Amino acid sequence: MSSVISKEKTSNLYKGIFNYHGEVSTLYTTAESEGQAYRFFCERLAQRYDTASINIRHYFWGTDKYEIKIERSKEDGTKTC
């Protein structure tokens, strides 16, 4: 008899602070990784500024104009500030 073990996906809560052309936005999202959170944040900023997500990603790549931190880890329930 075989059994199927389901893995519960864990998501972390991420906080992103983005300086887009001098306008600072603070956003929150849940994601599996920092990279995924970055993509989610860029999609939301693209909607806000009526542009394509790739334009937002290109603007921030390789710069210090944004910061992403884990606000809460689902695995251990900790919160960092």
C-alpha atoms as a PDB file:
ATOM      1  CA  MET A   1       0.000   0.000   0.000  1.00  0.00           C
ATOM      2  CA  SER A   2       1.378   3.389  -0.898  1.00  0.00           C
ATOM      3  CA  SER A   3       0.618   6.561   0.920  1.00  0.00           C
ATOM      4  CA  VAL A   4       0.725  10.088  -0.307  1.00  0.00           C
ATOM      5  CA  ILE A   5       2.278  12.598   2.022  1.00  0.00           C
ATOM      6  CA  SER A   6       1.182  16.125   1.344  1.00  0.00           C
ATOM      7  CA  LYS A   7       3.579  18.907   2.119  1.00  0.00           C
ATOM      8  CA  GLU A   8       1.976  21.967   3.591  1.00  0.00           C
ATOM      9  CA  LYS A   9       3.259  24.995   1.772  1.00  0.00           C
ATOM     10  CA  THR A  10       4.684  27.592   4.053  1.00  0.00           C
ATOM     11  CA  SER A  11       4.571  31.231   3.187  1.00  0.00           C
ATOM     12  CA  ASN A  12       6.396  34.035   4.892  1.00  0.00           C
ATOM     13  CA  LEU A  13       5.106  37.561   5.296  1.00  0.00           C
ATOM     14  CA  TYR A  14       7.452  39.996   3.553  1.00  0.00           C
ATOM     15  CA  LYS A  15       7.702  43.758   3.897  1.00  0.00           C
ATOM     16  CA  GLY A  16       9.036  45.700   0.936  1.00  0.00           C
ATOM     17  CA  ILE A  17      10.089  49.338   0.902  1.00  0.00           C
ATOM     18  CA  PHE A  18      10.543  50.741  -2.596  1.00  0.00           C
ATOM     19  CA  ASN A  19      11.758  54.179  -3.686  1.00  0.00           C
ATOM     20  CA  TYR A  20      10.343  54.605  -7.188  1.00  0.00           C
ATOM     21  CA  HIS A  21      11.417  57.938  -8.688  1.00  0.00           C
ATOM     22  CA  GLY A  22      11.398  59.564  -5.239  1.00  0.00           C
ATOM     23  CA  GLU A  23       8.046  58.144  -4.111  1.00  0.00           C
ATOM     24  CA  VAL A  24       8.454  55.646  -1.270  1.00  0.00           C
ATOM     25  CA  SER A  25       5.974  52.762  -1.050  1.00  0.00           C
ATOM     26  CA  THR A  26       5.729  50.240   1.769  1.00  0.00           C
ATOM     27  CA  LEU A  27       4.053  46.987   0.736  1.00  0.00           C
ATOM     28  CA  TYR A  28       3.366  43.609   2.330  1.00  0.00           C
ATOM     29  CA  THR A  29       2.891  40.207   0.709  1.00  0.00           C
ATOM     30  CA  THR A  30       3.060  36.529   1.500  1.00  0.00           C
ATOM     31  CA  ALA A  31       5.450  34.468  -0.596  1.00  0.00           C
ATOM     32  CA  GLU A  32       7.519  31.297  -0.603  1.00  0.00           C
ATOM     33  CA  SER A  33      10.817  33.159  -1.101  1.00  0.00           C
ATOM     34  CA  GLU A  34      12.312  36.634  -1.249  1.00  0.00           C
ATOM     35  CA  GLY A  35      12.540  36.353  -5.040  1.00  0.00           C
ATOM     36  CA  GLN A  36       8.857  35.552  -5.309  1.00  0.00           C
ATOM     37  CA  ALA A  37       8.032  38.437  -2.962  1.00  0.00           C
ATOM     38  CA  TYR A  38      10.104  40.764  -5.179  1.00  0.00           C
ATOM     39  CA  ARG A  39       8.077  39.705  -8.237  1.00  0.00           C
ATOM     40  CA  PHE A  40       4.777  40.172  -6.379  1.00  0.00           C
ATOM     41  CA  PHE A  41       5.839  43.638  -5.208  1.00  0.00           C
ATOM     42  CA  CYS A  42       6.899  44.631  -8.726  1.00  0.00           C
ATOM     43  CA  GLU A  43       3.549  43.501 -10.124  1.00  0.00           C
ATOM     44  CA  ARG A  44       1.680  45.620  -7.583  1.00  0.00           C
ATOM     45  CA  LEU A  45       3.876  48.647  -8.249  1.00  0.00           C
ATOM     46  CA  ALA A  46       3.361  48.202 -11.991  1.00  0.00           C
ATOM     47  CA  GLN A  47      -0.397  48.341 -11.476  1.00  0.00           C
ATOM     48  CA  ARG A  48      -0.047  51.421  -9.278  1.00  0.00           C
ATOM     49  CA  TYR A  49       2.113  53.273 -11.816  1.00  0.00           C
ATOM     50  CA  ASP A  50       0.340  51.939 -14.925  1.00  0.00           C
ATOM     51  CA  THR A  51       3.386  50.299 -16.468  1.00  0.00           C
ATOM     52  CA  ALA A  52       4.652  46.792 -17.178  1.00  0.00           C
ATOM     53  CA  SER A  53       6.059  44.699 -14.347  1.00  0.00           C
ATOM     54  CA  ILE A  54       9.317  44.204 -16.268  1.00  0.00           C
ATOM     55  CA  ASN A  55       9.846  47.986 -16.306  1.00  0.00           C
ATOM     56  CA  ILE A  56       9.582  48.080 -12.522  1.00  0.00           C
ATOM     57  CA  ARG A  57      11.952  45.109 -12.138  1.00  0.00           C
ATOM     58  CA  HIS A  58      14.508  46.718 -14.453  1.00  0.00           C
ATOM     59  CA  TYR A  59      14.302  49.977 -12.516  1.00  0.00           C
ATOM     60  CA  PHE A  60      15.222  48.234  -9.239  1.00  0.00           C
ATOM     61  CA  TRP A  61      17.654  45.523 -10.398  1.00  0.00           C
ATOM     62  CA  GLY A  62      21.139  46.103  -9.028  1.00  0.00           C
ATOM     63  CA  THR A  63      20.194  49.186  -7.015  1.00  0.00           C
ATOM     64  CA  ASP A  64      19.783  50.059  -3.359  1.00  0.00           C
ATOM     65  CA  LYS A  65      16.415  51.723  -4.011  1.00  0.00           C
ATOM     66  CA  TYR A  66      14.458  48.936  -2.318  1.00  0.00           C
ATOM     67  CA  GLU A  67      14.604  46.678   0.710  1.00  0.00           C
ATOM     68  CA  ILE A  68      12.770  43.416   1.387  1.00  0.00           C
ATOM     69  CA  LYS A  69      12.646  41.787   4.818  1.00  0.00           C
ATOM     70  CA  ILE A  70      10.806  38.848   6.326  1.00  0.00           C
ATOM     71  CA  GLU A  71       8.235  40.369   8.641  1.00  0.00           C
ATOM     72  CA  ARG A  72       6.919  37.019   9.891  1.00  0.00           C
ATOM     73  CA  SER A  73       8.046  33.476   9.214  1.00  0.00           C
ATOM     74  CA  LYS A  74       5.202  30.964   9.077  1.00  0.00           C
ATOM     75  CA  GLU A  75       7.556  28.121   9.993  1.00  0.00           C
ATOM     76  CA  ASP A  76       8.504  29.447  13.397  1.00  0.00           C
ATOM     77  CA  GLY A  77       5.931  32.194  13.889  1.00  0.00           C
ATOM     78  CA  THR A  78       8.560  34.816  14.635  1.00  0.00           C
ATOM     79  CA  LYS A  79       8.217  38.452  13.750  1.00  0.00           C
ATOM     80  CA  THR A  80      11.172  40.651  12.919  1.00  0.00           C
ATOM     81  CA  CYS A  81      11.281  44.396  12.639  1.00  0.00           C
END
